[in-house]
Amino acid sequence: MGSQNIIIYKFTGLYQILEELGEDLNLNITFEDREDFLNEKVKNFNNYLIISNKKYSDIHNQFVLDNLPINIFKLIEKINIEFLKLQFNIQSEVRVNNYTIDLNSREMFTKNIKLKLTEKEINIITYLSKSDKPVAVDELQEKVWSYQSDIETHTVETHIYRLRKKILNTFNDTNFIISEKNGYQIK
């Protein structure tokens, strides 16, 4: 997961306490009180949490600690939970071309346009997006549906047809899933 970086923003008292505990926490702790420096600082971190004592609307990965006093062990637990939430959210988003797919909400979106997807549609898209060559219908049957390839069915074609139609109607994208002579592909 990499090093966990905590930036204490405009909360001097908390910074002094956590800095004193320092190495025992196994966290990289820094302090910032200017927003322009804060924005520069977060560019250097992949895994960070900003702790402040009030909510700032334009700050991401923020944890507001406004219910004080707090037991130090409870604070460490809350910080660890926040890092787990951040990691979960990072892992739940998949980029495919110009789109983001949120695996938790089962939505595909770009800019301000969202499309609700079924779990099977997400599985089709993620499987196709991981392949650099066209994927045959029988491979999709086996990997996405767990069907044996000797079963005669048009399930894959029907699902792809409906999925393409949804994507066309929502995003006006005719080339998201391409039919090749030996299967389907997302380029």
Protein backbone atom coordinates (compact mmCIF):
# COMPACT_ATOMS: atom_id res chain seq x y z
CA MET A 1 0.00 0.00 0.00
CA GLY A 2 3.00 2.31 0.37
CA SER A 3 3.76 4.81 3.05
CA GLN A 4 0.83 6.45 4.79
CA ASN A 5 1.14 10.22 4.80
CA ILE A 6 -0.79 12.43 7.15
CA ILE A 7 -0.97 16.14 6.56
CA ILE A 8 -2.27 18.11 9.51
CA TYR A 9 -3.97 21.19 8.07
CA LYS A 10 -4.41 24.28 10.26
CA PHE A 11 -4.54 22.13 13.42
CA THR A 12 -1.32 22.87 15.33
CA GLY A 13 -2.29 21.12 18.57
CA LEU A 14 -2.93 17.79 16.85
CA TYR A 15 0.30 18.08 14.88
CA GLN A 16 2.31 18.61 18.08
CA ILE A 17 0.74 15.54 19.71
CA LEU A 18 1.19 13.25 16.68
CA GLU A 19 4.71 14.53 16.03
CA GLU A 20 5.64 13.69 19.63
CA LEU A 21 4.39 10.13 19.12
CA GLY A 22 6.25 10.10 15.79
CA GLU A 23 7.92 6.79 15.00
CA ASP A 24 5.60 4.75 17.20
CA LEU A 25 2.73 5.49 14.81
CA ASN A 26 4.55 4.36 11.65
CA LEU A 27 3.10 7.34 9.78
CA ASN A 28 4.71 10.17 7.84
CA ILE A 29 3.27 13.27 9.53
CA THR A 30 3.60 16.83 8.19
CA PHE A 31 1.94 20.14 8.95
CA GLU A 32 0.57 22.78 6.63
CA ASP A 33 -1.38 25.98 7.21
CA ARG A 34 -1.48 27.44 3.70
CA GLU A 35 -3.79 26.02 1.03
CA ASP A 36 -1.42 26.75 -1.89
CA PHE A 37 1.39 24.82 -0.13
CA LEU A 38 -1.06 22.06 0.76
CA ASN A 39 -1.96 21.57 -2.91
CA GLU A 40 1.73 21.32 -3.80
CA LYS A 41 2.43 18.89 -0.97
CA VAL A 42 -0.31 16.41 -1.93
CA LYS A 43 1.10 16.14 -5.47
CA ASN A 44 4.08 14.31 -3.94
CA PHE A 45 1.97 11.69 -2.15
CA ASN A 46 0.03 8.73 -3.49
CA ASN A 47 -1.47 7.67 -0.19
CA TYR A 48 -2.39 10.63 2.01
CA LEU A 49 -4.97 11.82 4.49
CA ILE A 50 -5.52 15.45 5.43
CA ILE A 51 -6.69 15.95 9.00
CA SER A 52 -8.24 19.23 10.04
CA ASN A 53 -10.62 20.41 12.73
CA LYS A 54 -13.18 21.80 10.28
CA LYS A 55 -14.48 20.87 6.82
CA TYR A 56 -12.90 22.55 3.79
CA SER A 57 -15.04 21.95 0.71
CA ASP A 58 -12.20 22.08 -1.83
CA ILE A 59 -9.93 19.54 -0.08
CA HIS A 60 -9.96 15.83 -0.98
CA ASN A 61 -9.01 12.89 1.27
CA GLN A 62 -9.98 14.96 4.26
CA PHE A 63 -10.76 13.65 7.73
CA VAL A 64 -12.39 16.21 10.02
CA LEU A 65 -11.58 15.74 13.69
CA ASP A 66 -14.03 18.01 15.46
CA ASN A 67 -15.20 15.81 18.31
CA LEU A 68 -12.55 16.46 20.96
CA PRO A 69 -11.14 15.35 23.30
CA ILE A 70 -10.43 11.90 21.86
CA ASN A 71 -8.54 8.90 23.19
CA ILE A 72 -5.26 8.55 21.26
CA PHE A 73 -5.95 4.86 20.51
CA LYS A 74 -9.40 5.79 19.17
CA LEU A 75 -7.76 8.48 17.02
CA ILE A 76 -5.25 6.01 15.55
CA GLU A 77 -8.11 3.57 14.87
CA LYS A 78 -10.10 6.29 13.07
CA ILE A 79 -7.04 7.26 10.99
CA ASN A 80 -6.50 3.63 9.99
CA ILE A 81 -10.17 3.28 9.05
CA GLU A 82 -9.94 6.41 6.89
CA PHE A 83 -6.90 4.99 5.08
CA LEU A 84 -8.81 1.73 4.49
CA LYS A 85 -11.77 3.68 3.06
CA LEU A 86 -9.46 5.62 0.74
CA GLN A 87 -7.82 2.40 -0.46
CA PHE A 88 -11.23 0.78 -1.02
CA ASN A 89 -12.41 3.76 -3.08
CA ILE A 90 -9.22 3.78 -5.15
CA GLN A 91 -9.59 0.08 -5.89
CA SER A 92 -13.26 0.45 -6.78
CA GLU A 93 -12.66 2.77 -9.72
CA VAL A 94 -11.54 1.39 -13.07
CA ARG A 95 -10.53 3.58 -16.01
CA VAL A 96 -11.52 2.35 -19.47
CA ASN A 97 -10.67 4.77 -22.26
CA ASN A 98 -12.41 8.08 -21.48
CA TYR A 99 -14.70 6.50 -18.90
CA THR A 100 -14.51 5.72 -15.21
CA ILE A 101 -16.36 2.70 -13.89
CA ASP A 102 -17.27 2.73 -10.23
CA LEU A 103 -17.49 -0.92 -9.20
CA ASN A 104 -19.29 -0.06 -5.95
CA SER A 105 -22.12 2.01 -7.40
CA ARG A 106 -22.09 0.07 -10.70
CA GLU A 107 -21.91 3.26 -12.71
CA MET A 108 -19.97 4.24 -15.77
CA PHE A 109 -19.36 7.94 -16.19
CA THR A 110 -17.52 10.64 -18.04
CA LYS A 111 -17.74 14.35 -17.32
CA ASN A 112 -21.25 14.82 -15.85
CA ILE A 113 -22.93 11.90 -17.61
CA LYS A 114 -23.61 8.67 -15.71
CA LEU A 115 -24.87 5.28 -16.81
CA LYS A 116 -26.11 2.61 -14.41
CA LEU A 117 -24.74 -0.85 -15.27
CA THR A 118 -25.55 -4.37 -14.19
CA GLU A 119 -22.89 -6.52 -12.57
CA LYS A 120 -22.70 -8.65 -15.74
CA GLU A 121 -22.19 -5.54 -17.90
CA ILE A 122 -19.35 -4.42 -15.64
CA ASN A 123 -17.81 -7.89 -15.86
CA ILE A 124 -18.01 -7.77 -19.68
CA ILE A 125 -16.40 -4.34 -19.86
CA THR A 126 -13.62 -5.10 -17.38
CA TYR A 127 -12.83 -8.43 -19.04
CA LEU A 128 -12.73 -6.93 -22.53
CA SER A 129 -10.68 -3.94 -21.37
CA LYS A 130 -7.95 -6.20 -19.96
CA SER A 131 -7.42 -7.93 -23.31
CA ASP A 132 -5.25 -6.40 -26.00
CA LYS A 133 -6.80 -8.60 -28.69
CA PRO A 134 -10.39 -9.48 -29.66
CA VAL A 135 -12.10 -11.84 -27.21
CA ALA A 136 -14.07 -14.71 -28.74
CA VAL A 137 -17.69 -15.37 -27.75
CA ASP A 138 -16.85 -18.77 -26.24
CA GLU A 139 -14.11 -17.21 -24.09
CA LEU A 140 -16.61 -14.64 -22.77
CA GLN A 141 -19.12 -17.44 -22.11
CA GLU A 142 -16.52 -19.31 -20.12
CA LYS A 143 -14.89 -16.41 -18.25
CA VAL A 144 -17.83 -14.06 -17.64
CA TRP A 145 -20.76 -16.51 -17.53
CA SER A 146 -18.94 -19.74 -16.57
CA TYR A 147 -20.67 -21.57 -19.46
CA GLN A 148 -19.08 -24.41 -21.34
CA SER A 149 -18.20 -23.41 -24.91
CA ASP A 150 -20.08 -26.35 -26.46
CA ILE A 151 -23.44 -24.94 -25.32
CA GLU A 152 -25.27 -23.13 -28.13
CA THR A 153 -26.43 -19.79 -26.79
CA HIS A 154 -26.66 -16.18 -27.88
CA THR A 155 -26.32 -14.78 -24.36
CA VAL A 156 -23.04 -12.98 -25.08
CA GLU A 157 -24.25 -11.41 -28.32
CA THR A 158 -27.52 -10.30 -26.69
CA HIS A 159 -25.76 -8.74 -23.70
CA ILE A 160 -23.20 -6.97 -25.89
CA TYR A 161 -25.96 -5.67 -28.17
CA ARG A 162 -27.89 -4.26 -25.18
CA LEU A 163 -24.75 -2.84 -23.58
CA ARG A 164 -23.72 -1.10 -26.81
CA LYS A 165 -27.23 0.33 -27.13
CA LYS A 166 -27.10 1.72 -23.55
CA ILE A 167 -23.68 3.26 -24.18
CA LEU A 168 -24.81 4.73 -27.50
CA ASN A 169 -27.98 6.22 -25.97
CA THR A 170 -26.14 7.69 -22.96
CA PHE A 171 -22.74 8.71 -24.31
CA ASN A 172 -23.37 8.70 -28.09
CA ASP A 173 -20.35 6.37 -28.40
CA THR A 174 -20.61 3.92 -31.30
CA ASN A 175 -17.07 2.56 -30.95
CA PHE A 176 -16.79 1.54 -27.30
CA ILE A 177 -17.12 -2.21 -27.95
CA ILE A 178 -15.95 -3.14 -31.41
CA SER A 179 -16.91 -6.33 -33.29
CA GLU A 180 -13.96 -8.01 -34.89
CA LYS A 181 -14.13 -11.14 -37.03
CA ASN A 182 -12.82 -13.23 -34.13
CA GLY A 183 -14.58 -11.56 -31.19
CA TYR A 184 -15.24 -8.32 -29.32
CA GLN A 185 -12.75 -5.71 -28.25
CA ILE A 186 -12.45 -2.43 -26.38
CA LYS A 187 -9.60 -0.41 -27.87
